[in-house]
Amino acid sequence: QVQLVESGGGLVQAGGSLRLSCTFSGRTFNSYGMGWFRQAPGNEREFVSTTTWLRGNTYSADYADSVKGRFTISRDNAKNTLYLQMNSLKPEDTAVYYCAACRQNKAAYNEYEYDYWGQGTQVTVSS
């Protein structure tokens, strides 16, 4: 059974940065597509970023338009860890951020494509 544990959330001022981590355990990390989603109060959970392992230390990455150019997803297969580097944060980035794993090593943009979810980590950006 796959387990995902997020960390790295917190309170930051607008324009600041945070790096989220998601530790993966229970299966072979590089055989899974991975993603980040977020959910703000009163809103549905939305896609943020997705990545697939290609070969060696290379991987694909794609982003929601709202975070493109500010957020960077990465994965370290040696550490079984997924990251989300968030720069130039805005108050509208405030949300609970979730890490998710898809049994297929593919880019996935919808919640239903993912099989496992972390418990979430709160990110709050003050203006």
N, C-alpha and C. Protein backbone atom coordinates (compact mmCIF):
# COMPACT_ATOMS: atom_id res chain seq x y z
N GLN A 1 0.84 -1.19 0.00
CA GLN A 1 0.00 0.00 0.00
C GLN A 1 0.88 1.25 0.00
N VAL A 2 0.56 2.17 -0.88
CA VAL A 2 1.33 3.41 -0.98
C VAL A 2 0.91 4.36 0.14
N GLN A 3 1.91 4.98 0.74
CA GLN A 3 1.65 6.03 1.73
C GLN A 3 2.36 7.30 1.30
N LEU A 4 1.67 8.42 1.45
CA LEU A 4 2.20 9.73 1.07
C LEU A 4 2.11 10.66 2.28
N VAL A 5 3.20 11.33 2.57
CA VAL A 5 3.22 12.25 3.71
C VAL A 5 3.81 13.57 3.24
N GLU A 6 2.99 14.63 3.28
CA GLU A 6 3.43 15.96 2.88
C GLU A 6 4.02 16.71 4.07
N SER A 7 4.90 17.64 3.76
CA SER A 7 5.45 18.53 4.77
C SER A 7 5.90 19.81 4.08
N GLY A 8 6.20 20.84 4.87
CA GLY A 8 6.76 22.06 4.32
C GLY A 8 5.80 23.23 4.22
N GLY A 9 4.55 23.01 4.54
CA GLY A 9 3.61 24.12 4.50
C GLY A 9 3.87 25.12 5.62
N GLY A 10 3.16 26.24 5.55
CA GLY A 10 3.33 27.24 6.59
C GLY A 10 2.75 28.57 6.18
N LEU A 11 3.11 29.60 6.95
CA LEU A 11 2.66 30.96 6.70
C LEU A 11 3.79 31.76 6.09
N VAL A 12 3.51 32.44 4.99
CA VAL A 12 4.54 33.23 4.31
C VAL A 12 3.89 34.51 3.77
N GLN A 13 4.68 35.56 3.66
CA GLN A 13 4.17 36.80 3.08
C GLN A 13 4.13 36.71 1.57
N ALA A 14 3.27 37.51 0.99
CA ALA A 14 3.18 37.56 -0.46
C ALA A 14 4.56 37.89 -1.05
N GLY A 15 4.90 37.19 -2.12
CA GLY A 15 6.21 37.35 -2.74
C GLY A 15 7.24 36.37 -2.22
N GLY A 16 6.92 35.69 -1.15
CA GLY A 16 7.85 34.75 -0.56
C GLY A 16 7.83 33.38 -1.22
N SER A 17 8.57 32.46 -0.62
CA SER A 17 8.72 31.11 -1.19
C SER A 17 8.53 30.05 -0.11
N LEU A 18 8.10 28.90 -0.57
CA LEU A 18 8.02 27.70 0.27
C LEU A 18 8.36 26.50 -0.60
N ARG A 19 8.88 25.46 0.02
CA ARG A 19 9.07 24.20 -0.69
C ARG A 19 8.32 23.10 0.04
N LEU A 20 7.40 22.48 -0.66
CA LEU A 20 6.67 21.35 -0.12
C LEU A 20 7.38 20.06 -0.48
N SER A 21 7.31 19.10 0.42
CA SER A 21 7.86 17.76 0.18
C SER A 21 6.77 16.73 0.37
N CYS A 22 6.89 15.64 -0.34
CA CYS A 22 5.96 14.52 -0.21
C CYS A 22 6.79 13.23 -0.22
N THR A 23 6.80 12.55 0.89
CA THR A 23 7.55 11.31 1.00
C THR A 23 6.65 10.14 0.60
N PHE A 24 7.16 9.31 -0.31
CA PHE A 24 6.42 8.18 -0.88
C PHE A 24 6.98 6.89 -0.31
N SER A 25 6.10 5.97 0.11
CA SER A 25 6.57 4.67 0.59
C SER A 25 5.57 3.59 0.22
N GLY A 26 6.04 2.36 0.18
CA GLY A 26 5.18 1.21 -0.02
C GLY A 26 5.28 0.54 -1.37
N ARG A 27 5.74 1.26 -2.37
CA ARG A 27 5.89 0.71 -3.72
C ARG A 27 7.11 1.36 -4.37
N THR A 28 7.30 1.08 -5.66
CA THR A 28 8.43 1.65 -6.39
C THR A 28 8.06 3.03 -6.91
N PHE A 29 8.70 4.02 -6.36
CA PHE A 29 8.35 5.42 -6.63
C PHE A 29 8.38 5.75 -8.12
N ASN A 30 9.40 5.30 -8.83
CA ASN A 30 9.55 5.75 -10.21
C ASN A 30 8.58 5.07 -11.17
N SER A 31 7.73 4.18 -10.68
CA SER A 31 6.72 3.59 -11.55
C SER A 31 5.38 4.32 -11.44
N TYR A 32 5.35 5.39 -10.64
CA TYR A 32 4.12 6.14 -10.40
C TYR A 32 4.22 7.54 -11.00
N GLY A 33 3.11 7.95 -11.63
CA GLY A 33 2.96 9.36 -11.93
C GLY A 33 2.57 10.08 -10.65
N MET A 34 3.05 11.31 -10.48
CA MET A 34 2.80 12.05 -9.25
C MET A 34 2.21 13.42 -9.56
N GLY A 35 1.50 13.95 -8.58
CA GLY A 35 0.90 15.26 -8.80
C GLY A 35 0.69 16.02 -7.51
N TRP A 36 0.47 17.32 -7.67
CA TRP A 36 0.08 18.20 -6.58
C TRP A 36 -1.27 18.81 -6.93
N PHE A 37 -2.14 18.85 -5.93
CA PHE A 37 -3.42 19.53 -6.03
C PHE A 37 -3.54 20.47 -4.84
N ARG A 38 -4.51 21.37 -4.90
CA ARG A 38 -4.76 22.25 -3.76
C ARG A 38 -6.25 22.52 -3.63
N GLN A 39 -6.64 22.85 -2.41
CA GLN A 39 -8.03 23.17 -2.14
C GLN A 39 -8.11 24.35 -1.19
N ALA A 40 -8.69 25.43 -1.68
CA ALA A 40 -8.91 26.61 -0.87
C ALA A 40 -10.28 26.50 -0.21
N PRO A 41 -10.49 27.20 0.90
CA PRO A 41 -11.79 27.13 1.59
C PRO A 41 -12.93 27.52 0.66
N GLY A 42 -13.96 26.66 0.64
CA GLY A 42 -15.13 26.93 -0.19
C GLY A 42 -14.97 26.57 -1.64
N ASN A 43 -13.77 26.09 -2.01
CA ASN A 43 -13.52 25.74 -3.42
C ASN A 43 -13.32 24.24 -3.58
N GLU A 44 -13.45 23.79 -4.81
CA GLU A 44 -13.14 22.40 -5.11
C GLU A 44 -11.62 22.23 -5.18
N ARG A 45 -11.18 21.01 -5.03
CA ARG A 45 -9.76 20.73 -5.16
C ARG A 45 -9.37 20.91 -6.64
N GLU A 46 -8.21 21.54 -6.85
CA GLU A 46 -7.80 21.83 -8.23
C GLU A 46 -6.39 21.35 -8.49
N PHE A 47 -6.15 21.04 -9.74
CA PHE A 47 -4.84 20.58 -10.20
C PHE A 47 -3.81 21.70 -10.10
N VAL A 48 -2.61 21.35 -9.68
CA VAL A 48 -1.50 22.31 -9.63
C VAL A 48 -0.37 21.87 -10.57
N SER A 49 0.08 20.61 -10.44
CA SER A 49 1.23 20.18 -11.22
C SER A 49 1.28 18.66 -11.28
N THR A 50 1.94 18.13 -12.32
CA THR A 50 2.10 16.70 -12.46
C THR A 50 3.46 16.38 -13.03
N THR A 51 3.97 15.17 -12.71
CA THR A 51 5.27 14.75 -13.21
C THR A 51 5.29 13.26 -13.45
N THR A 52 6.06 12.84 -14.46
CA THR A 52 6.29 11.43 -14.71
C THR A 52 7.79 11.20 -14.79
N TRP A 53 8.22 10.01 -14.39
CA TRP A 53 9.64 9.67 -14.50
C TRP A 53 9.92 9.22 -15.92
N LEU A 54 11.02 9.71 -16.48
CA LEU A 54 11.39 9.35 -17.85
C LEU A 54 12.53 8.35 -17.84
N ARG A 55 13.70 8.75 -17.37
CA ARG A 55 14.85 7.86 -17.26
C ARG A 55 15.90 8.53 -16.39
N GLY A 56 16.65 7.76 -15.67
CA GLY A 56 17.70 8.33 -14.83
C GLY A 56 17.13 9.37 -13.89
N ASN A 57 17.66 10.57 -13.98
CA ASN A 57 17.20 11.67 -13.14
C ASN A 57 16.31 12.65 -13.90
N THR A 58 15.82 12.23 -15.06
CA THR A 58 14.98 13.13 -15.85
C THR A 58 13.51 12.77 -15.68
N TYR A 59 12.68 13.77 -15.76
CA TYR A 59 11.25 13.59 -15.56
C TYR A 59 10.51 14.69 -16.30
N SER A 60 9.25 14.42 -16.60
CA SER A 60 8.42 15.43 -17.23
C SER A 60 7.78 16.31 -16.16
N ALA A 61 7.29 17.49 -16.57
CA ALA A 61 6.61 18.37 -15.63
C ALA A 61 5.59 19.20 -16.38
N ASP A 62 4.44 19.40 -15.77
CA ASP A 62 3.42 20.27 -16.35
C ASP A 62 2.68 20.95 -15.22
N TYR A 63 2.09 22.11 -15.55
CA TYR A 63 1.54 22.97 -14.52
C TYR A 63 0.19 23.57 -14.93
N ALA A 64 -0.58 23.91 -13.93
CA ALA A 64 -1.75 24.74 -14.16
C ALA A 64 -1.28 26.13 -14.58
N ASP A 65 -2.08 26.78 -15.41
CA ASP A 65 -1.70 28.12 -15.88
C ASP A 65 -1.49 29.09 -14.72
N SER A 66 -2.24 28.92 -13.65
CA SER A 66 -2.18 29.86 -12.53
C SER A 66 -0.85 29.82 -11.78
N VAL A 67 -0.09 28.76 -11.94
CA VAL A 67 1.19 28.64 -11.22
C VAL A 67 2.38 28.56 -12.15
N LYS A 68 2.14 28.48 -13.43
CA LYS A 68 3.22 28.32 -14.40
C LYS A 68 4.18 29.50 -14.28
N GLY A 69 5.48 29.19 -14.23
CA GLY A 69 6.49 30.23 -14.11
C GLY A 69 6.82 30.59 -12.67
N ARG A 70 6.00 30.15 -11.73
CA ARG A 70 6.24 30.43 -10.30
C ARG A 70 6.54 29.17 -9.51
N PHE A 71 5.90 28.06 -9.87
CA PHE A 71 6.07 26.80 -9.16
C PHE A 71 6.91 25.84 -9.99
N THR A 72 7.67 25.01 -9.30
CA THR A 72 8.47 23.98 -9.97
C THR A 72 8.30 22.66 -9.25
N ILE A 73 7.89 21.65 -10.01
CA ILE A 73 7.76 20.31 -9.45
C ILE A 73 9.04 19.54 -9.74
N SER A 74 9.43 18.69 -8.81
CA SER A 74 10.60 17.84 -9.04
C SER A 74 10.43 16.55 -8.25
N ARG A 75 11.23 15.55 -8.62
CA ARG A 75 11.17 14.27 -7.91
C ARG A 75 12.56 13.71 -7.78
N ASP A 76 12.83 13.16 -6.62
CA ASP A 76 14.13 12.53 -6.33
C ASP A 76 13.86 11.06 -6.09
N ASN A 77 14.15 10.24 -7.10
CA ASN A 77 13.85 8.81 -6.97
C ASN A 77 14.71 8.13 -5.92
N ALA A 78 15.91 8.64 -5.70
CA ALA A 78 16.78 8.04 -4.68
C ALA A 78 16.21 8.25 -3.27
N LYS A 79 15.47 9.35 -3.11
CA LYS A 79 14.90 9.66 -1.79
C LYS A 79 13.41 9.36 -1.73
N ASN A 80 12.85 8.86 -2.84
CA ASN A 80 11.40 8.59 -2.89
C ASN A 80 10.59 9.81 -2.46
N THR A 81 10.97 10.95 -2.97
CA THR A 81 10.35 12.20 -2.54
C THR A 81 9.97 13.07 -3.72
N LEU A 82 8.80 13.66 -3.60
CA LEU A 82 8.29 14.63 -4.57
C LEU A 82 8.37 16.00 -3.93
N TYR A 83 8.70 17.01 -4.74
CA TYR A 83 8.81 18.37 -4.23
C TYR A 83 7.94 19.32 -5.05
N LEU A 84 7.59 20.43 -4.39
CA LEU A 84 6.96 21.54 -5.11
C LEU A 84 7.59 22.82 -4.58
N GLN A 85 8.44 23.43 -5.39
CA GLN A 85 9.04 24.72 -5.04
C GLN A 85 8.09 25.81 -5.48
N MET A 86 7.68 26.63 -4.53
CA MET A 86 6.70 27.68 -4.81
C MET A 86 7.34 29.04 -4.56
N ASN A 87 7.48 29.81 -5.62
CA ASN A 87 8.07 31.15 -5.53
C ASN A 87 7.03 32.20 -5.89
N SER A 88 7.34 33.45 -5.55
CA SER A 88 6.44 34.58 -5.85
C SER A 88 5.01 34.27 -5.42
N LEU A 89 4.88 33.80 -4.21
CA LEU A 89 3.57 33.38 -3.73
C LEU A 89 2.61 34.56 -3.61
N LYS A 90 1.35 34.24 -3.88
CA LYS A 90 0.28 35.24 -3.84
C LYS A 90 -0.77 34.81 -2.81
N PRO A 91 -1.54 35.74 -2.28
CA PRO A 91 -2.60 35.35 -1.33
C PRO A 91 -3.55 34.31 -1.92
N GLU A 92 -3.79 34.36 -3.21
CA GLU A 92 -4.69 33.38 -3.83
C GLU A 92 -4.10 31.98 -3.92
N ASP A 93 -2.83 31.83 -3.55
CA ASP A 93 -2.24 30.49 -3.47
C ASP A 93 -2.56 29.82 -2.14
N THR A 94 -3.18 30.54 -1.23
CA THR A 94 -3.55 29.98 0.07
C THR A 94 -4.50 28.80 -0.11
N ALA A 95 -4.11 27.65 0.45
CA ALA A 95 -4.89 26.43 0.28
C ALA A 95 -4.23 25.30 1.06
N VAL A 96 -4.94 24.20 1.15
CA VAL A 96 -4.32 22.95 1.60
C VAL A 96 -3.79 22.27 0.34
N TYR A 97 -2.52 21.91 0.37
CA TYR A 97 -1.87 21.28 -0.78
C TYR A 97 -1.75 19.78 -0.54
N TYR A 98 -2.15 19.02 -1.56
CA TYR A 98 -2.15 17.57 -1.49
C TYR A 98 -1.21 16.97 -2.52
N CYS A 99 -0.50 15.96 -2.09
CA CYS A 99 0.32 15.15 -2.97
C CYS A 99 -0.51 13.93 -3.37
N ALA A 100 -0.38 13.47 -4.62
CA ALA A 100 -1.13 12.32 -5.08
C ALA A 100 -0.28 11.43 -5.98
N ALA A 101 -0.60 10.13 -5.98
CA ALA A 101 0.14 9.16 -6.78
C ALA A 101 -0.81 8.39 -7.69
N CYS A 102 -0.39 8.23 -8.94
CA CYS A 102 -1.15 7.48 -9.95
C CYS A 102 -0.41 6.19 -10.26
N ARG A 103 -1.10 5.07 -10.27
CA ARG A 103 -0.45 3.77 -10.51
C ARG A 103 0.26 3.71 -11.85
N GLN A 104 -0.21 4.48 -12.81
CA GLN A 104 0.48 4.54 -14.09
C GLN A 104 1.46 5.70 -14.08
N ASN A 105 2.60 5.49 -14.69
CA ASN A 105 3.60 6.54 -14.77
C ASN A 105 3.22 7.45 -15.93
N LYS A 106 2.26 8.32 -15.68
CA LYS A 106 1.76 9.21 -16.73
C LYS A 106 1.44 10.57 -16.12
N ALA A 107 1.37 11.57 -16.97
CA ALA A 107 0.91 12.87 -16.53
C ALA A 107 -0.60 12.78 -16.31
N ALA A 108 -1.06 13.25 -15.19
CA ALA A 108 -2.49 13.15 -14.85
C ALA A 108 -2.96 14.49 -14.29
N TYR A 109 -4.10 14.94 -14.78
CA TYR A 109 -4.59 16.27 -14.48
C TYR A 109 -5.89 16.30 -13.70
N ASN A 110 -6.47 15.13 -13.48
CA ASN A 110 -7.78 15.04 -12.82
C ASN A 110 -7.68 14.18 -11.57
N GLU A 111 -8.48 14.54 -10.57
CA GLU A 111 -8.45 13.80 -9.31
C GLU A 111 -8.70 12.31 -9.51
N TYR A 112 -9.63 11.95 -10.40
CA TYR A 112 -10.02 10.55 -10.54
C TYR A 112 -8.90 9.69 -11.12
N GLU A 113 -7.88 10.33 -11.68
CA GLU A 113 -6.76 9.56 -12.24
C GLU A 113 -5.77 9.10 -11.17
N TYR A 114 -5.90 9.63 -9.97
CA TYR A 114 -4.96 9.31 -8.91
C TYR A 114 -5.53 8.27 -7.96
N ASP A 115 -4.64 7.41 -7.47
CA ASP A 115 -5.04 6.28 -6.64
C ASP A 115 -4.75 6.50 -5.15
N TYR A 116 -3.79 7.33 -4.86
CA TYR A 116 -3.40 7.54 -3.46
C TYR A 116 -3.22 9.03 -3.21
N TRP A 117 -3.55 9.44 -1.98
CA TRP A 117 -3.48 10.84 -1.59
C TRP A 117 -2.83 10.99 -0.23
N GLY A 118 -2.11 12.10 -0.06
CA GLY A 118 -1.59 12.44 1.25
C GLY A 118 -2.66 13.15 2.06
N GLN A 119 -2.28 13.52 3.28
CA GLN A 119 -3.24 14.14 4.19
C GLN A 119 -3.34 15.64 3.98
N GLY A 120 -2.41 16.22 3.25
CA GLY A 120 -2.44 17.64 2.96
C GLY A 120 -1.59 18.46 3.91
N THR A 121 -1.11 19.59 3.41
CA THR A 121 -0.35 20.53 4.23
C THR A 121 -0.85 21.94 3.91
N GLN A 122 -1.03 22.73 4.96
CA GLN A 122 -1.62 24.07 4.80
C GLN A 122 -0.57 25.07 4.35
N VAL A 123 -0.90 25.83 3.33
CA VAL A 123 -0.08 26.96 2.89
C VAL A 123 -0.94 28.22 3.00
N THR A 124 -0.43 29.19 3.75
CA THR A 124 -1.15 30.45 3.92
C THR A 124 -0.23 31.59 3.49
N VAL A 125 -0.71 32.40 2.57
CA VAL A 125 0.07 33.53 2.06
C VAL A 125 -0.64 34.82 2.48
N SER A 126 0.05 35.61 3.26
CA SER A 126 -0.54 36.86 3.74
C SER A 126 -0.19 38.02 2.81
N SER A 127 -1.09 38.98 2.74
CA SER A 127 -0.87 40.12 1.83
C SER A 127 -0.14 41.26 2.53
